[in-house]
Amino acid sequence: MNKEKTENVSRETLQQILTKNLEKYGVCVAEELTEKMFSFWEKLVFWNKTHNLTTVTDFHEAALLHFVDSLFPASEKNIFSDGEKILDLGTGGGFPGIPLALYFPNADFKLLDKSRKKISFINLTAAELGIANAEGINRNFFDVKENFDVIVSRAVRIDDEIFEHCRKIIKPGGRLVVFYSSQQEPFQDSNLEYTKTYDFEKGERVIAFYRF
């Protein structure tokens, strides 16, 4: 099987996995977005050989754990409105920031991580793929002073100190969106508006939505 045919099968497979796991939550990913997600995955795999960007290297696992999982909050479409400024706290290799930026092209995404090599990868790849609304930032979270409409945290454990800094930089009426496993207890605070459980092939994902 030649390289071009292999890529087409992989793209189709990604589309099938996204549709199977996300459509029931009202998240429909257009083919052109799947194309960019697959291209991002290809570049991630290439860079990962020398930069250790992700431990998830199996394509099917990555489709679920990187792309499907990242897009669950997209079911709450009123949160990621046009023109809003969104911070992805601890983006790692670009998740959930890149999939969300592709899904919400009129929102402005800042992807924060302390790893310079991960941010270099994100900025170069976003430029190459034309993802104009995503910018990587290499900075410590507590040095962030800008205000955001939404902060998304998928990999960073929320404690009292981090939550209080989120409170300082989230605009009035803004939200904090935190990913948890089904075994984790969400950070308890009066700003917790609701939680939502998502079922997919890897089990359950719980996401907590805080309103400030």
Protein backbone atom coordinates (compact mmCIF):
# COMPACT_ATOMS: atom_id res chain seq x y z
CA MET A 1 0.00 0.00 0.00
CA ASN A 2 1.50 3.33 -1.01
CA LYS A 3 1.97 6.27 1.34
CA GLU A 4 -0.85 8.36 -0.16
CA LYS A 5 -3.40 5.54 0.22
CA THR A 6 -2.28 4.89 3.80
CA GLU A 7 -2.79 8.56 4.68
CA ASN A 8 -6.26 8.60 3.14
CA VAL A 9 -7.27 5.54 5.16
CA SER A 10 -5.93 7.17 8.33
CA ARG A 11 -7.84 10.37 7.67
CA GLU A 12 -11.01 8.41 7.09
CA THR A 13 -10.38 6.45 10.28
CA LEU A 14 -9.93 9.64 12.27
CA GLN A 15 -13.19 11.00 10.84
CA GLN A 16 -14.99 7.79 11.82
CA ILE A 17 -13.60 7.85 15.37
CA LEU A 18 -14.51 11.52 15.84
CA THR A 19 -18.02 10.98 14.51
CA LYS A 20 -18.66 7.84 16.57
CA ASN A 21 -17.61 9.44 19.86
CA LEU A 22 -18.63 13.08 19.45
CA GLU A 23 -21.80 13.36 17.36
CA LYS A 24 -23.98 12.16 20.22
CA TYR A 25 -22.88 15.28 22.12
CA GLY A 26 -23.67 17.61 19.22
CA VAL A 27 -20.02 17.97 18.16
CA CYS A 28 -19.80 17.48 14.40
CA VAL A 29 -16.31 17.77 12.91
CA ALA A 30 -16.20 18.78 9.24
CA GLU A 31 -13.86 16.91 6.90
CA GLU A 32 -11.61 19.93 6.40
CA LEU A 33 -11.07 20.12 10.16
CA THR A 34 -10.27 16.41 10.31
CA GLU A 35 -7.75 16.99 7.53
CA LYS A 36 -5.95 19.62 9.62
CA MET A 37 -6.12 17.49 12.76
CA PHE A 38 -4.56 14.59 10.92
CA SER A 39 -1.84 16.86 9.50
CA PHE A 40 -1.17 18.13 13.03
CA TRP A 41 -0.88 14.51 14.22
CA GLU A 42 1.60 13.71 11.42
CA LYS A 43 3.80 16.61 12.44
CA LEU A 44 3.51 15.68 16.11
CA VAL A 45 4.70 12.15 15.33
CA PHE A 46 7.62 13.49 13.29
CA TRP A 47 8.75 15.96 15.99
CA ASN A 48 8.17 13.39 18.72
CA LYS A 49 11.09 11.32 17.44
CA THR A 50 13.53 13.93 18.75
CA HIS A 51 11.52 16.18 21.10
CA ASN A 52 9.47 13.79 23.30
CA LEU A 53 6.19 15.67 22.90
CA THR A 54 3.78 12.83 23.73
CA THR A 55 3.79 9.30 25.11
CA VAL A 56 0.72 8.39 23.04
CA THR A 57 2.08 7.21 19.69
CA ASP A 58 -0.54 4.68 18.54
CA PHE A 59 -2.85 6.35 16.03
CA HIS A 60 -6.12 4.93 17.36
CA GLU A 61 -5.17 5.79 20.94
CA ALA A 62 -4.18 9.30 19.88
CA ALA A 63 -7.45 9.80 18.00
CA LEU A 64 -9.32 9.06 21.22
CA LEU A 65 -7.04 10.51 23.90
CA HIS A 66 -5.80 13.58 22.01
CA PHE A 67 -8.56 14.58 19.61
CA VAL A 68 -11.89 13.15 20.83
CA ASP A 69 -11.11 13.96 24.46
CA SER A 70 -9.98 17.50 23.63
CA LEU A 71 -13.22 18.24 21.80
CA PHE A 72 -15.69 17.19 24.51
CA PRO A 73 -16.04 20.78 25.86
CA ALA A 74 -17.10 21.85 22.36
CA SER A 75 -20.51 20.42 23.25
CA GLU A 76 -20.97 23.56 25.36
CA LYS A 77 -20.90 25.93 22.38
CA ASN A 78 -21.98 28.98 24.38
CA ILE A 79 -18.66 28.91 26.24
CA PHE A 80 -16.33 29.36 23.25
CA SER A 81 -17.94 32.38 21.61
CA ASP A 82 -16.59 34.41 18.71
CA GLY A 83 -13.98 36.94 19.76
CA GLU A 84 -13.34 35.40 23.16
CA LYS A 85 -9.83 34.95 24.53
CA ILE A 86 -9.10 31.44 25.78
CA LEU A 87 -6.09 30.07 27.68
CA ASP A 88 -5.11 26.40 27.46
CA LEU A 89 -3.27 25.83 30.74
CA GLY A 90 -0.51 23.21 30.39
CA THR A 91 -1.10 22.43 26.72
CA GLY A 92 1.75 19.92 26.34
CA GLY A 93 1.82 18.90 22.69
CA GLY A 94 -1.15 21.16 21.90
CA PHE A 95 -4.15 19.52 23.56
CA PRO A 96 -6.91 20.48 23.97
CA GLY A 97 -5.94 23.88 22.51
CA ILE A 98 -5.29 22.93 18.87
CA PRO A 99 -8.45 20.81 18.32
CA LEU A 100 -10.56 23.48 20.05
CA ALA A 101 -8.94 26.28 18.04
CA LEU A 102 -9.75 24.42 14.84
CA TYR A 103 -13.35 23.86 15.94
CA PHE A 104 -13.83 27.48 17.06
CA PRO A 105 -11.85 29.50 14.45
CA ASN A 106 -13.26 32.86 15.58
CA ALA A 107 -12.02 32.55 19.16
CA ASP A 108 -8.46 33.47 20.17
CA PHE A 109 -6.51 30.62 21.81
CA LYS A 110 -3.30 31.01 23.82
CA LEU A 111 -1.58 27.69 24.56
CA LEU A 112 0.58 27.87 27.68
CA ASP A 113 3.36 25.49 28.64
CA LYS A 114 6.66 25.69 30.52
CA SER A 115 8.39 23.51 27.91
CA ARG A 116 10.11 25.64 25.29
CA LYS A 117 10.39 22.75 22.82
CA LYS A 118 6.65 22.04 22.99
CA ILE A 119 5.76 25.68 22.43
CA SER A 120 8.24 25.89 19.53
CA PHE A 121 6.55 22.88 17.94
CA ILE A 122 3.08 24.36 18.43
CA ASN A 123 3.94 27.75 16.95
CA LEU A 124 5.80 26.35 13.95
CA THR A 125 3.11 23.78 13.21
CA ALA A 126 0.23 26.23 13.69
CA ALA A 127 1.91 28.57 11.21
CA GLU A 128 2.50 25.77 8.68
CA LEU A 129 -1.10 24.57 8.90
CA GLY A 130 -2.64 28.04 8.90
CA ILE A 131 -4.14 27.81 12.39
CA ALA A 132 -4.07 31.57 12.85
CA ASN A 133 -6.09 31.70 16.07
CA ALA A 134 -3.67 29.54 18.12
CA GLU A 135 -0.47 30.87 19.68
CA GLY A 136 1.87 29.02 22.01
CA ILE A 137 3.25 30.84 25.08
CA ASN A 138 6.32 29.65 26.98
CA ARG A 139 5.71 31.05 30.47
CA ASN A 140 4.99 30.12 34.07
CA PHE A 141 1.25 30.29 34.76
CA PHE A 142 1.70 32.59 37.76
CA ASP A 143 3.48 35.11 35.52
CA VAL A 144 0.39 35.40 33.32
CA LYS A 145 -1.32 38.75 33.96
CA GLU A 146 -3.61 39.01 30.92
CA ASN A 147 -7.34 38.52 31.34
CA PHE A 148 -9.19 35.66 29.66
CA ASP A 149 -12.80 34.79 29.00
CA VAL A 150 -12.10 31.09 29.45
CA ILE A 151 -9.30 28.97 30.92
CA VAL A 152 -9.16 25.27 29.98
CA SER A 153 -7.11 22.81 32.05
CA ARG A 154 -6.75 19.22 30.87
CA ALA A 155 -3.40 18.15 32.32
CA VAL A 156 -2.74 20.51 35.24
CA ARG A 157 -3.99 19.52 38.67
CA ILE A 158 -6.09 22.34 40.10
CA ASP A 159 -5.19 23.26 43.67
CA ASP A 160 -5.98 26.29 45.85
CA GLU A 161 -3.10 28.36 44.47
CA ILE A 162 -3.83 27.68 40.81
CA PHE A 163 -7.56 28.20 41.30
CA GLU A 164 -6.99 31.58 42.94
CA HIS A 165 -4.77 32.72 40.07
CA CYS A 166 -7.47 31.59 37.64
CA ARG A 167 -9.93 33.70 39.62
CA LYS A 168 -7.66 36.74 39.23
CA ILE A 169 -7.28 36.54 35.46
CA ILE A 170 -10.68 35.24 34.35
CA LYS A 171 -12.99 38.07 33.34
CA PRO A 172 -16.30 38.54 35.21
CA GLY A 173 -18.77 36.07 33.79
CA GLY A 174 -15.93 33.95 32.39
CA ARG A 175 -15.37 30.24 32.90
CA LEU A 176 -12.80 27.71 34.03
CA VAL A 177 -13.14 24.33 32.28
CA VAL A 178 -11.34 21.45 34.02
CA PHE A 179 -10.96 17.85 32.83
CA TYR A 180 -11.20 15.05 35.41
CA SER A 181 -11.26 11.25 35.30
CA SER A 182 -14.38 9.48 36.54
CA GLN A 183 -12.47 8.61 39.74
CA GLN A 184 -11.45 12.17 40.56
CA GLU A 185 -13.40 14.60 42.69
CA PRO A 186 -13.66 18.04 41.03
CA PHE A 187 -12.11 20.96 42.88
CA GLN A 188 -14.81 22.19 45.23
CA ASP A 189 -15.70 25.87 45.15
CA SER A 190 -18.90 27.90 45.06
CA ASN A 191 -18.02 28.89 41.47
CA LEU A 192 -18.56 25.31 40.30
CA GLU A 193 -21.58 25.68 38.01
CA TYR A 194 -22.01 22.07 36.83
CA THR A 195 -20.20 18.92 35.73
CA LYS A 196 -20.83 16.84 32.65
CA THR A 197 -19.88 13.21 32.00
CA TYR A 198 -18.85 12.06 28.52
CA ASP A 199 -18.74 8.40 27.52
CA PHE A 200 -16.31 7.25 24.84
CA GLU A 201 -14.27 4.22 23.86
CA LYS A 202 -11.71 4.85 26.62
CA GLY A 203 -14.33 5.02 29.36
CA GLU A 204 -15.68 8.19 30.96
CA ARG A 205 -14.44 11.75 31.05
CA VAL A 206 -15.85 14.23 33.57
CA ILE A 207 -15.54 17.94 32.88
CA ALA A 208 -16.25 20.60 35.49
CA PHE A 209 -17.46 24.04 34.41
CA TYR A 210 -16.82 26.93 36.81
CA ARG A 211 -18.41 30.36 36.36
CA PHE A 212 -16.85 33.55 37.77
